[in-house]
Amino acid sequence: KELVRFAARMFDYVILDTPGAFNDIVGTALEVATQVLVVTSVDMASIKDTSFILDLLESESFPEDRLMRVYPGVDPRRFCPGPRDPDLLRRYGLEGKRVVLTVARLDRRKGHDAVLRALARLQGPDVVYLIAGRGREEARLRSLARECGVADRVRFAGFVPEEDLAGV
């Protein structure tokens, strides 16, 4: 409990991962937290655990303004290894390639630049970065891809319909 109190004084963010069990440590963390993020996975067990946690916090009169539910960004049932659509692979020049995919608005805070720099460190032409999205940062990212020497391994796809994403 003291470690949680110490961490709350020292750091802006403290992440406490608990497998659905409440104990003194979790209780202390809830007491000192300025904001609690309850992260839900897409599996049924996680959804039930999250609902239980939210109900419990509500019954204990935990301030609603300090509570936020975070939903997953990716559905692992839909986006998992499986057959790839040959037409999409041809369209984006991905045949025989390992693909790093980002689906996001082209905005500085999304981190596309970090992936481009990392791609420069990966050896081999078989790794391709497919960027699905549009935005004001496209020209800067294209320039950065050239500077990093990876322009030939980056595909700017623009808008990609949701039904095509899993096939890439």
N, C-alpha and C. Protein backbone atom coordinates (compact mmCIF):
# COMPACT_ATOMS: atom_id res chain seq x y z
N LYS A 1 0.82 -1.19 0.00
CA LYS A 1 0.00 0.00 0.00
C LYS A 1 0.87 1.26 0.00
N GLU A 2 1.96 1.22 0.75
CA GLU A 2 2.85 2.38 0.81
C GLU A 2 3.51 2.64 -0.54
N LEU A 3 3.82 1.55 -1.26
CA LEU A 3 4.43 1.71 -2.58
C LEU A 3 3.47 2.44 -3.52
N VAL A 4 2.20 2.10 -3.46
CA VAL A 4 1.20 2.77 -4.31
C VAL A 4 1.12 4.25 -3.95
N ARG A 5 1.10 4.56 -2.66
CA ARG A 5 1.04 5.97 -2.22
C ARG A 5 2.31 6.72 -2.67
N PHE A 6 3.47 6.07 -2.54
CA PHE A 6 4.74 6.66 -2.97
C PHE A 6 4.70 6.92 -4.47
N ALA A 7 4.29 5.94 -5.24
CA ALA A 7 4.25 6.08 -6.70
C ALA A 7 3.31 7.21 -7.11
N ALA A 8 2.19 7.33 -6.41
CA ALA A 8 1.22 8.39 -6.73
C ALA A 8 1.81 9.78 -6.47
N ARG A 9 2.68 9.90 -5.49
CA ARG A 9 3.34 11.19 -5.20
C ARG A 9 4.45 11.49 -6.19
N MET A 10 5.11 10.47 -6.69
CA MET A 10 6.30 10.66 -7.52
C MET A 10 6.01 10.79 -9.01
N PHE A 11 4.95 10.16 -9.48
CA PHE A 11 4.73 10.06 -10.91
C PHE A 11 3.39 10.65 -11.31
N ASP A 12 3.33 11.14 -12.55
CA ASP A 12 2.08 11.66 -13.07
C ASP A 12 1.08 10.53 -13.34
N TYR A 13 1.59 9.39 -13.78
CA TYR A 13 0.73 8.26 -14.10
C TYR A 13 1.27 7.01 -13.41
N VAL A 14 0.39 6.26 -12.81
CA VAL A 14 0.74 4.98 -12.22
C VAL A 14 -0.22 3.96 -12.82
N ILE A 15 0.33 2.92 -13.42
CA ILE A 15 -0.50 1.89 -14.03
C ILE A 15 -0.48 0.68 -13.12
N LEU A 16 -1.65 0.29 -12.71
CA LEU A 16 -1.79 -0.87 -11.83
C LEU A 16 -2.57 -1.93 -12.58
N ASP A 17 -1.94 -3.02 -12.88
CA ASP A 17 -2.58 -4.10 -13.61
C ASP A 17 -3.01 -5.15 -12.60
N THR A 18 -4.30 -5.35 -12.51
CA THR A 18 -4.81 -6.32 -11.55
C THR A 18 -5.77 -7.26 -12.25
N PRO A 19 -5.66 -8.53 -12.01
CA PRO A 19 -6.50 -9.51 -12.73
C PRO A 19 -7.91 -9.62 -12.13
N GLY A 20 -8.60 -8.51 -12.03
CA GLY A 20 -9.98 -8.54 -11.57
C GLY A 20 -10.16 -8.76 -10.08
N ALA A 21 -9.07 -8.79 -9.32
CA ALA A 21 -9.17 -9.04 -7.88
C ALA A 21 -8.98 -7.73 -7.12
N PHE A 22 -9.86 -7.48 -6.17
CA PHE A 22 -9.71 -6.29 -5.33
C PHE A 22 -9.05 -6.70 -4.03
N ASN A 23 -8.06 -5.93 -3.64
CA ASN A 23 -7.37 -6.17 -2.38
C ASN A 23 -6.95 -4.81 -1.82
N ASP A 24 -6.14 -4.80 -0.77
CA ASP A 24 -5.72 -3.54 -0.15
C ASP A 24 -4.92 -2.65 -1.10
N ILE A 25 -4.12 -3.27 -1.94
CA ILE A 25 -3.30 -2.49 -2.88
C ILE A 25 -4.20 -1.77 -3.88
N VAL A 26 -5.18 -2.50 -4.43
CA VAL A 26 -6.11 -1.90 -5.38
C VAL A 26 -6.93 -0.81 -4.69
N GLY A 27 -7.37 -1.08 -3.48
CA GLY A 27 -8.12 -0.09 -2.72
C GLY A 27 -7.33 1.19 -2.50
N THR A 28 -6.06 1.05 -2.15
CA THR A 28 -5.19 2.20 -1.95
C THR A 28 -5.01 2.97 -3.25
N ALA A 29 -4.81 2.24 -4.33
CA ALA A 29 -4.65 2.88 -5.64
C ALA A 29 -5.89 3.70 -5.98
N LEU A 30 -7.06 3.15 -5.70
CA LEU A 30 -8.30 3.88 -5.99
C LEU A 30 -8.44 5.11 -5.11
N GLU A 31 -7.99 5.03 -3.89
CA GLU A 31 -8.06 6.19 -2.98
C GLU A 31 -7.23 7.36 -3.48
N VAL A 32 -6.04 7.07 -3.98
CA VAL A 32 -5.11 8.15 -4.35
C VAL A 32 -5.22 8.57 -5.82
N ALA A 33 -5.96 7.81 -6.61
CA ALA A 33 -6.03 8.08 -8.04
C ALA A 33 -6.80 9.36 -8.34
N THR A 34 -6.26 10.15 -9.24
CA THR A 34 -7.01 11.31 -9.72
C THR A 34 -7.87 10.91 -10.92
N GLN A 35 -7.49 9.84 -11.58
CA GLN A 35 -8.25 9.33 -12.72
C GLN A 35 -8.04 7.82 -12.77
N VAL A 36 -9.10 7.08 -13.02
CA VAL A 36 -9.01 5.63 -13.16
C VAL A 36 -9.48 5.26 -14.56
N LEU A 37 -8.63 4.57 -15.28
CA LEU A 37 -8.98 4.07 -16.61
C LEU A 37 -9.27 2.59 -16.48
N VAL A 38 -10.46 2.19 -16.84
CA VAL A 38 -10.82 0.78 -16.83
C VAL A 38 -10.76 0.31 -18.28
N VAL A 39 -9.81 -0.56 -18.57
CA VAL A 39 -9.58 -1.00 -19.95
C VAL A 39 -10.32 -2.30 -20.20
N THR A 40 -11.11 -2.30 -21.26
CA THR A 40 -11.90 -3.46 -21.63
C THR A 40 -11.29 -4.12 -22.85
N SER A 41 -11.21 -5.42 -22.80
CA SER A 41 -10.80 -6.20 -23.96
C SER A 41 -12.08 -6.65 -24.65
N VAL A 42 -11.97 -7.25 -25.83
CA VAL A 42 -13.19 -7.64 -26.54
C VAL A 42 -13.71 -9.02 -26.14
N ASP A 43 -12.96 -9.76 -25.33
CA ASP A 43 -13.44 -11.08 -24.95
C ASP A 43 -14.50 -10.95 -23.85
N MET A 44 -15.42 -11.89 -23.81
CA MET A 44 -16.56 -11.84 -22.90
C MET A 44 -16.12 -11.78 -21.44
N ALA A 45 -15.09 -12.52 -21.07
CA ALA A 45 -14.64 -12.52 -19.67
C ALA A 45 -14.20 -11.12 -19.26
N SER A 46 -13.47 -10.44 -20.13
CA SER A 46 -13.01 -9.09 -19.81
C SER A 46 -14.18 -8.12 -19.72
N ILE A 47 -15.14 -8.26 -20.62
CA ILE A 47 -16.31 -7.38 -20.58
C ILE A 47 -17.07 -7.58 -19.27
N LYS A 48 -17.23 -8.83 -18.84
CA LYS A 48 -17.91 -9.10 -17.57
C LYS A 48 -17.12 -8.54 -16.39
N ASP A 49 -15.78 -8.75 -16.39
CA ASP A 49 -14.93 -8.21 -15.32
C ASP A 49 -15.04 -6.69 -15.27
N THR A 50 -15.01 -6.06 -16.43
CA THR A 50 -15.09 -4.60 -16.49
C THR A 50 -16.43 -4.12 -15.95
N SER A 51 -17.50 -4.77 -16.35
CA SER A 51 -18.83 -4.39 -15.85
C SER A 51 -18.90 -4.56 -14.34
N PHE A 52 -18.32 -5.65 -13.84
CA PHE A 52 -18.30 -5.88 -12.39
C PHE A 52 -17.54 -4.76 -11.68
N ILE A 53 -16.38 -4.39 -12.22
CA ILE A 53 -15.57 -3.34 -11.61
C ILE A 53 -16.33 -2.01 -11.61
N LEU A 54 -16.93 -1.69 -12.75
CA LEU A 54 -17.67 -0.43 -12.85
C LEU A 54 -18.86 -0.40 -11.88
N ASP A 55 -19.59 -1.51 -11.79
CA ASP A 55 -20.72 -1.61 -10.85
C ASP A 55 -20.24 -1.46 -9.41
N LEU A 56 -19.13 -2.11 -9.08
CA LEU A 56 -18.59 -2.04 -7.72
C LEU A 56 -18.17 -0.61 -7.38
N LEU A 57 -17.47 0.04 -8.30
CA LEU A 57 -17.04 1.41 -8.05
C LEU A 57 -18.25 2.33 -7.88
N GLU A 58 -19.28 2.11 -8.68
CA GLU A 58 -20.50 2.93 -8.56
C GLU A 58 -21.18 2.69 -7.22
N SER A 59 -21.24 1.44 -6.78
CA SER A 59 -21.89 1.13 -5.50
C SER A 59 -21.11 1.69 -4.32
N GLU A 60 -19.81 1.90 -4.51
CA GLU A 60 -18.98 2.49 -3.46
C GLU A 60 -18.90 4.01 -3.58
N SER A 61 -19.74 4.58 -4.45
CA SER A 61 -19.81 6.03 -4.68
C SER A 61 -18.49 6.62 -5.15
N PHE A 62 -17.76 5.84 -5.96
CA PHE A 62 -16.52 6.37 -6.54
C PHE A 62 -16.91 7.50 -7.49
N PRO A 63 -16.26 8.65 -7.40
CA PRO A 63 -16.65 9.80 -8.23
C PRO A 63 -16.59 9.49 -9.72
N GLU A 64 -17.72 9.66 -10.39
CA GLU A 64 -17.81 9.36 -11.82
C GLU A 64 -16.84 10.17 -12.67
N ASP A 65 -16.56 11.40 -12.26
CA ASP A 65 -15.67 12.25 -13.04
C ASP A 65 -14.22 11.78 -12.99
N ARG A 66 -13.90 10.83 -12.12
CA ARG A 66 -12.54 10.28 -12.03
C ARG A 66 -12.43 8.92 -12.71
N LEU A 67 -13.50 8.50 -13.38
CA LEU A 67 -13.56 7.17 -13.96
C LEU A 67 -13.75 7.26 -15.46
N MET A 68 -12.96 6.50 -16.21
CA MET A 68 -13.09 6.49 -17.65
C MET A 68 -12.94 5.05 -18.14
N ARG A 69 -13.85 4.62 -19.00
CA ARG A 69 -13.77 3.29 -19.59
C ARG A 69 -13.08 3.42 -20.94
N VAL A 70 -12.08 2.60 -21.17
CA VAL A 70 -11.32 2.62 -22.41
C VAL A 70 -11.63 1.34 -23.18
N TYR A 71 -12.09 1.50 -24.39
CA TYR A 71 -12.41 0.35 -25.24
C TYR A 71 -11.20 0.01 -26.10
N PRO A 72 -11.07 -1.24 -26.51
CA PRO A 72 -9.91 -1.63 -27.31
C PRO A 72 -9.94 -0.96 -28.68
N GLY A 73 -8.75 -0.72 -29.23
CA GLY A 73 -8.66 -0.11 -30.54
C GLY A 73 -8.72 -1.11 -31.67
N VAL A 74 -8.51 -2.38 -31.38
CA VAL A 74 -8.47 -3.40 -32.41
C VAL A 74 -9.25 -4.62 -31.93
N ASP A 75 -10.06 -5.16 -32.80
CA ASP A 75 -10.80 -6.39 -32.49
C ASP A 75 -9.93 -7.58 -32.92
N PRO A 76 -9.34 -8.31 -31.95
CA PRO A 76 -8.44 -9.41 -32.32
C PRO A 76 -9.14 -10.58 -33.00
N ARG A 77 -10.46 -10.65 -32.92
CA ARG A 77 -11.17 -11.72 -33.65
C ARG A 77 -11.19 -11.41 -35.14
N ARG A 78 -11.17 -10.12 -35.48
CA ARG A 78 -11.24 -9.71 -36.88
C ARG A 78 -9.86 -9.52 -37.48
N PHE A 79 -8.94 -8.95 -36.70
CA PHE A 79 -7.60 -8.65 -37.19
C PHE A 79 -6.62 -9.64 -36.60
N CYS A 80 -6.52 -10.78 -37.24
CA CYS A 80 -5.62 -11.84 -36.78
C CYS A 80 -5.01 -12.50 -38.02
N PRO A 81 -3.95 -13.24 -37.82
CA PRO A 81 -3.35 -13.90 -38.98
C PRO A 81 -4.36 -14.77 -39.70
N GLY A 82 -4.36 -14.68 -40.98
CA GLY A 82 -5.29 -15.47 -41.80
C GLY A 82 -5.01 -15.19 -43.26
N PRO A 83 -5.88 -15.68 -44.12
CA PRO A 83 -5.67 -15.46 -45.55
C PRO A 83 -5.75 -13.97 -45.90
N ARG A 84 -4.86 -13.57 -46.78
CA ARG A 84 -4.83 -12.17 -47.22
C ARG A 84 -5.47 -12.08 -48.60
N ASP A 85 -6.13 -11.00 -48.86
CA ASP A 85 -6.83 -10.78 -50.12
C ASP A 85 -5.81 -10.48 -51.23
N PRO A 86 -5.69 -11.38 -52.23
CA PRO A 86 -4.69 -11.18 -53.29
C PRO A 86 -4.90 -9.89 -54.08
N ASP A 87 -6.15 -9.47 -54.26
CA ASP A 87 -6.41 -8.22 -54.99
C ASP A 87 -5.86 -7.02 -54.23
N LEU A 88 -6.05 -7.02 -52.90
CA LEU A 88 -5.54 -5.92 -52.08
C LEU A 88 -4.01 -5.93 -52.05
N LEU A 89 -3.43 -7.12 -51.99
CA LEU A 89 -1.97 -7.23 -51.99
C LEU A 89 -1.39 -6.64 -53.28
N ARG A 90 -2.03 -6.95 -54.41
CA ARG A 90 -1.58 -6.40 -55.70
C ARG A 90 -1.77 -4.88 -55.73
N ARG A 91 -2.93 -4.41 -55.27
CA ARG A 91 -3.24 -2.97 -55.31
C ARG A 91 -2.18 -2.14 -54.58
N TYR A 92 -1.70 -2.65 -53.45
CA TYR A 92 -0.75 -1.88 -52.64
C TYR A 92 0.69 -2.37 -52.78
N GLY A 93 0.94 -3.31 -53.70
CA GLY A 93 2.30 -3.79 -53.92
C GLY A 93 2.86 -4.55 -52.72
N LEU A 94 2.04 -5.41 -52.14
CA LEU A 94 2.43 -6.11 -50.92
C LEU A 94 2.67 -7.61 -51.11
N GLU A 95 2.62 -8.08 -52.35
CA GLU A 95 2.83 -9.51 -52.57
C GLU A 95 4.20 -9.93 -52.08
N GLY A 96 4.25 -10.99 -51.27
CA GLY A 96 5.51 -11.50 -50.74
C GLY A 96 6.15 -10.61 -49.68
N LYS A 97 5.40 -9.67 -49.15
CA LYS A 97 5.94 -8.73 -48.17
C LYS A 97 5.36 -8.98 -46.78
N ARG A 98 6.13 -8.62 -45.77
CA ARG A 98 5.62 -8.56 -44.40
C ARG A 98 5.16 -7.12 -44.20
N VAL A 99 3.97 -6.95 -43.67
CA VAL A 99 3.34 -5.64 -43.64
C VAL A 99 3.21 -5.11 -42.23
N VAL A 100 3.66 -3.88 -42.04
CA VAL A 100 3.37 -3.10 -40.84
C VAL A 100 2.27 -2.14 -41.26
N LEU A 101 1.14 -2.19 -40.58
CA LEU A 101 -0.02 -1.39 -40.98
C LEU A 101 -0.40 -0.40 -39.89
N THR A 102 -0.61 0.84 -40.29
CA THR A 102 -1.18 1.84 -39.40
C THR A 102 -2.44 2.37 -40.07
N VAL A 103 -3.52 2.36 -39.31
CA VAL A 103 -4.78 2.94 -39.78
C VAL A 103 -5.07 4.11 -38.87
N ALA A 104 -4.85 5.31 -39.39
CA ALA A 104 -5.04 6.50 -38.55
C ALA A 104 -4.95 7.75 -39.41
N ARG A 105 -5.56 8.79 -38.91
CA ARG A 105 -5.42 10.11 -39.53
C ARG A 105 -3.93 10.48 -39.53
N LEU A 106 -3.46 11.12 -40.58
CA LEU A 106 -2.06 11.52 -40.65
C LEU A 106 -1.89 12.80 -39.85
N ASP A 107 -1.57 12.61 -38.59
CA ASP A 107 -1.44 13.69 -37.63
C ASP A 107 -0.15 13.46 -36.87
N ARG A 108 0.55 14.52 -36.53
CA ARG A 108 1.86 14.41 -35.90
C ARG A 108 1.84 13.52 -34.65
N ARG A 109 0.79 13.61 -33.86
CA ARG A 109 0.74 12.87 -32.59
C ARG A 109 0.48 11.37 -32.76
N LYS A 110 0.19 10.93 -33.97
CA LYS A 110 -0.12 9.51 -34.19
C LYS A 110 1.12 8.62 -34.26
N GLY A 111 2.30 9.21 -34.46
CA GLY A 111 3.52 8.42 -34.39
C GLY A 111 3.98 7.76 -35.68
N HIS A 112 3.42 8.15 -36.81
CA HIS A 112 3.89 7.58 -38.08
C HIS A 112 5.39 7.79 -38.26
N ASP A 113 5.88 8.94 -37.83
CA ASP A 113 7.30 9.25 -37.99
C ASP A 113 8.18 8.26 -37.23
N ALA A 114 7.74 7.81 -36.06
CA ALA A 114 8.52 6.83 -35.29
C ALA A 114 8.59 5.50 -36.04
N VAL A 115 7.50 5.12 -36.69
CA VAL A 115 7.50 3.86 -37.45
C VAL A 115 8.44 4.00 -38.65
N LEU A 116 8.43 5.14 -39.31
CA LEU A 116 9.33 5.34 -40.46
C LEU A 116 10.79 5.23 -40.03
N ARG A 117 11.12 5.84 -38.90
CA ARG A 117 12.51 5.75 -38.41
C ARG A 117 12.87 4.32 -38.03
N ALA A 118 11.93 3.61 -37.43
CA ALA A 118 12.18 2.21 -37.06
C ALA A 118 12.33 1.35 -38.31
N LEU A 119 11.53 1.63 -39.34
CA LEU A 119 11.61 0.87 -40.58
C LEU A 119 13.00 0.99 -41.20
N ALA A 120 13.62 2.15 -41.05
CA ALA A 120 14.97 2.35 -41.59
C ALA A 120 15.98 1.42 -40.92
N ARG A 121 15.69 0.99 -39.71
CA ARG A 121 16.62 0.11 -38.98
C ARG A 121 16.39 -1.36 -39.31
N LEU A 122 15.21 -1.67 -39.87
CA LEU A 122 14.91 -3.06 -40.24
C LEU A 122 15.58 -3.39 -41.55
N GLN A 123 16.28 -4.49 -41.58
CA GLN A 123 16.99 -4.90 -42.79
C GLN A 123 16.05 -5.70 -43.69
N GLY A 124 16.25 -5.58 -44.95
CA GLY A 124 15.51 -6.39 -45.91
C GLY A 124 14.35 -5.66 -46.53
N PRO A 125 14.20 -5.85 -47.82
CA PRO A 125 13.15 -5.17 -48.56
C PRO A 125 11.77 -5.82 -48.41
N ASP A 126 11.69 -6.92 -47.64
CA ASP A 126 10.40 -7.61 -47.55
C ASP A 126 9.47 -7.00 -46.49
N VAL A 127 9.94 -6.01 -45.72
CA VAL A 127 9.09 -5.34 -44.73
C VAL A 127 8.61 -4.03 -45.33
N VAL A 128 7.28 -3.89 -45.41
CA VAL A 128 6.67 -2.72 -46.01
C VAL A 128 5.73 -2.07 -45.00
N TYR A 129 5.73 -0.76 -44.97
CA TYR A 129 4.86 0.00 -44.08
C TYR A 129 3.70 0.56 -44.90
N LEU A 130 2.50 0.08 -44.61
CA LEU A 130 1.29 0.55 -45.28
C LEU A 130 0.57 1.52 -44.36
N ILE A 131 0.43 2.75 -44.83
CA ILE A 131 -0.25 3.78 -44.04
C ILE A 131 -1.61 4.02 -44.65
N ALA A 132 -2.65 3.64 -43.91
CA ALA A 132 -4.03 3.84 -44.35
C ALA A 132 -4.59 5.04 -43.60
N GLY A 133 -4.81 6.10 -44.33
CA GLY A 133 -5.35 7.31 -43.72
C GLY A 133 -4.95 8.53 -44.51
N ARG A 134 -5.62 9.64 -44.21
CA ARG A 134 -5.32 10.91 -44.87
C ARG A 134 -5.09 11.97 -43.80
N GLY A 135 -4.43 13.05 -44.18
CA GLY A 135 -4.26 14.14 -43.23
C GLY A 135 -3.20 15.13 -43.66
N ARG A 136 -3.08 16.15 -42.85
CA ARG A 136 -2.20 17.27 -43.19
C ARG A 136 -0.71 16.93 -43.11
N GLU A 137 -0.36 15.79 -42.54
CA GLU A 137 1.05 15.43 -42.38
C GLU A 137 1.61 14.60 -43.52
N GLU A 138 0.82 14.32 -44.53
CA GLU A 138 1.27 13.41 -45.58
C GLU A 138 2.55 13.89 -46.26
N ALA A 139 2.63 15.14 -46.66
CA ALA A 139 3.83 15.65 -47.35
C ALA A 139 5.06 15.51 -46.45
N ARG A 140 4.91 15.85 -45.17
CA ARG A 140 6.05 15.75 -44.24
C ARG A 140 6.48 14.29 -44.09
N LEU A 141 5.52 13.38 -44.00
CA LEU A 141 5.84 11.96 -43.84
C LEU A 141 6.50 11.39 -45.10
N ARG A 142 6.02 11.80 -46.26
CA ARG A 142 6.66 11.36 -47.51
C ARG A 142 8.12 11.84 -47.56
N SER A 143 8.33 13.07 -47.15
CA SER A 143 9.69 13.63 -47.12
C SER A 143 10.56 12.87 -46.13
N LEU A 144 10.01 12.57 -44.96
CA LEU A 144 10.76 11.83 -43.95
C LEU A 144 11.10 10.42 -44.45
N ALA A 145 10.16 9.78 -45.14
CA ALA A 145 10.43 8.45 -45.70
C ALA A 145 11.62 8.51 -46.66
N ARG A 146 11.67 9.57 -47.48
CA ARG A 146 12.82 9.75 -48.40
C ARG A 146 14.11 9.96 -47.61
N GLU A 147 14.05 10.84 -46.61
CA GLU A 147 15.24 11.12 -45.78
C GLU A 147 15.76 9.86 -45.10
N CYS A 148 14.85 9.01 -44.65
CA CYS A 148 15.23 7.77 -43.95
C CYS A 148 15.65 6.67 -44.92
N GLY A 149 15.46 6.89 -46.22
CA GLY A 149 15.84 5.89 -47.20
C GLY A 149 14.87 4.74 -47.30
N VAL A 150 13.62 4.96 -46.92
CA VAL A 150 12.64 3.86 -46.94
C VAL A 150 11.42 4.15 -47.83
N ALA A 151 11.51 5.20 -48.64
CA ALA A 151 10.36 5.58 -49.47
C ALA A 151 9.86 4.43 -50.33
N ASP A 152 10.77 3.57 -50.78
CA ASP A 152 10.36 2.43 -51.61
C ASP A 152 9.65 1.34 -50.81
N ARG A 153 9.70 1.42 -49.48
CA ARG A 153 9.04 0.42 -48.63
C ARG A 153 7.84 0.99 -47.88
N VAL A 154 7.38 2.17 -48.29
CA VAL A 154 6.24 2.80 -47.64
C VAL A 154 5.14 2.99 -48.68
N ARG A 155 3.93 2.62 -48.32
CA ARG A 155 2.77 2.79 -49.19
C ARG A 155 1.78 3.72 -48.49
N PHE A 156 1.49 4.84 -49.13
CA PHE A 156 0.47 5.75 -48.62
C PHE A 156 -0.82 5.38 -49.35
N ALA A 157 -1.71 4.70 -48.66
CA ALA A 157 -2.91 4.18 -49.29
C ALA A 157 -4.07 5.17 -49.29
N GLY A 158 -3.96 6.23 -48.50
CA GLY A 158 -5.10 7.13 -48.37
C GLY A 158 -6.21 6.42 -47.60
N PHE A 159 -7.44 6.78 -47.89
CA PHE A 159 -8.57 6.14 -47.22
C PHE A 159 -8.69 4.70 -47.70
N VAL A 160 -8.81 3.76 -46.76
CA VAL A 160 -9.05 2.36 -47.07
C VAL A 160 -10.37 1.97 -46.43
N PRO A 161 -11.33 1.47 -47.21
CA PRO A 161 -12.61 1.09 -46.62
C PRO A 161 -12.44 0.04 -45.53
N GLU A 162 -13.25 0.15 -44.50
CA GLU A 162 -13.13 -0.74 -43.34
C GLU A 162 -13.18 -2.22 -43.74
N GLU A 163 -14.01 -2.55 -44.71
CA GLU A 163 -14.14 -3.96 -45.11
C GLU A 163 -12.87 -4.49 -45.77
N ASP A 164 -11.96 -3.62 -46.22
CA ASP A 164 -10.70 -4.06 -46.84
C ASP A 164 -9.57 -4.23 -45.83
N LEU A 165 -9.68 -3.62 -44.66
CA LEU A 165 -8.55 -3.57 -43.72
C LEU A 165 -8.05 -4.95 -43.31
N ALA A 166 -8.95 -5.85 -42.95
CA ALA A 166 -8.53 -7.18 -42.47
C ALA A 166 -7.88 -8.01 -43.57
N GLY A 167 -8.13 -7.69 -44.82
CA GLY A 167 -7.55 -8.46 -45.93
C GLY A 167 -6.15 -8.09 -46.27
N VAL A 168 -5.62 -7.06 -45.63
CA VAL A 168 -4.25 -6.62 -45.92
C VAL A 168 -3.31 -7.38 -45.01
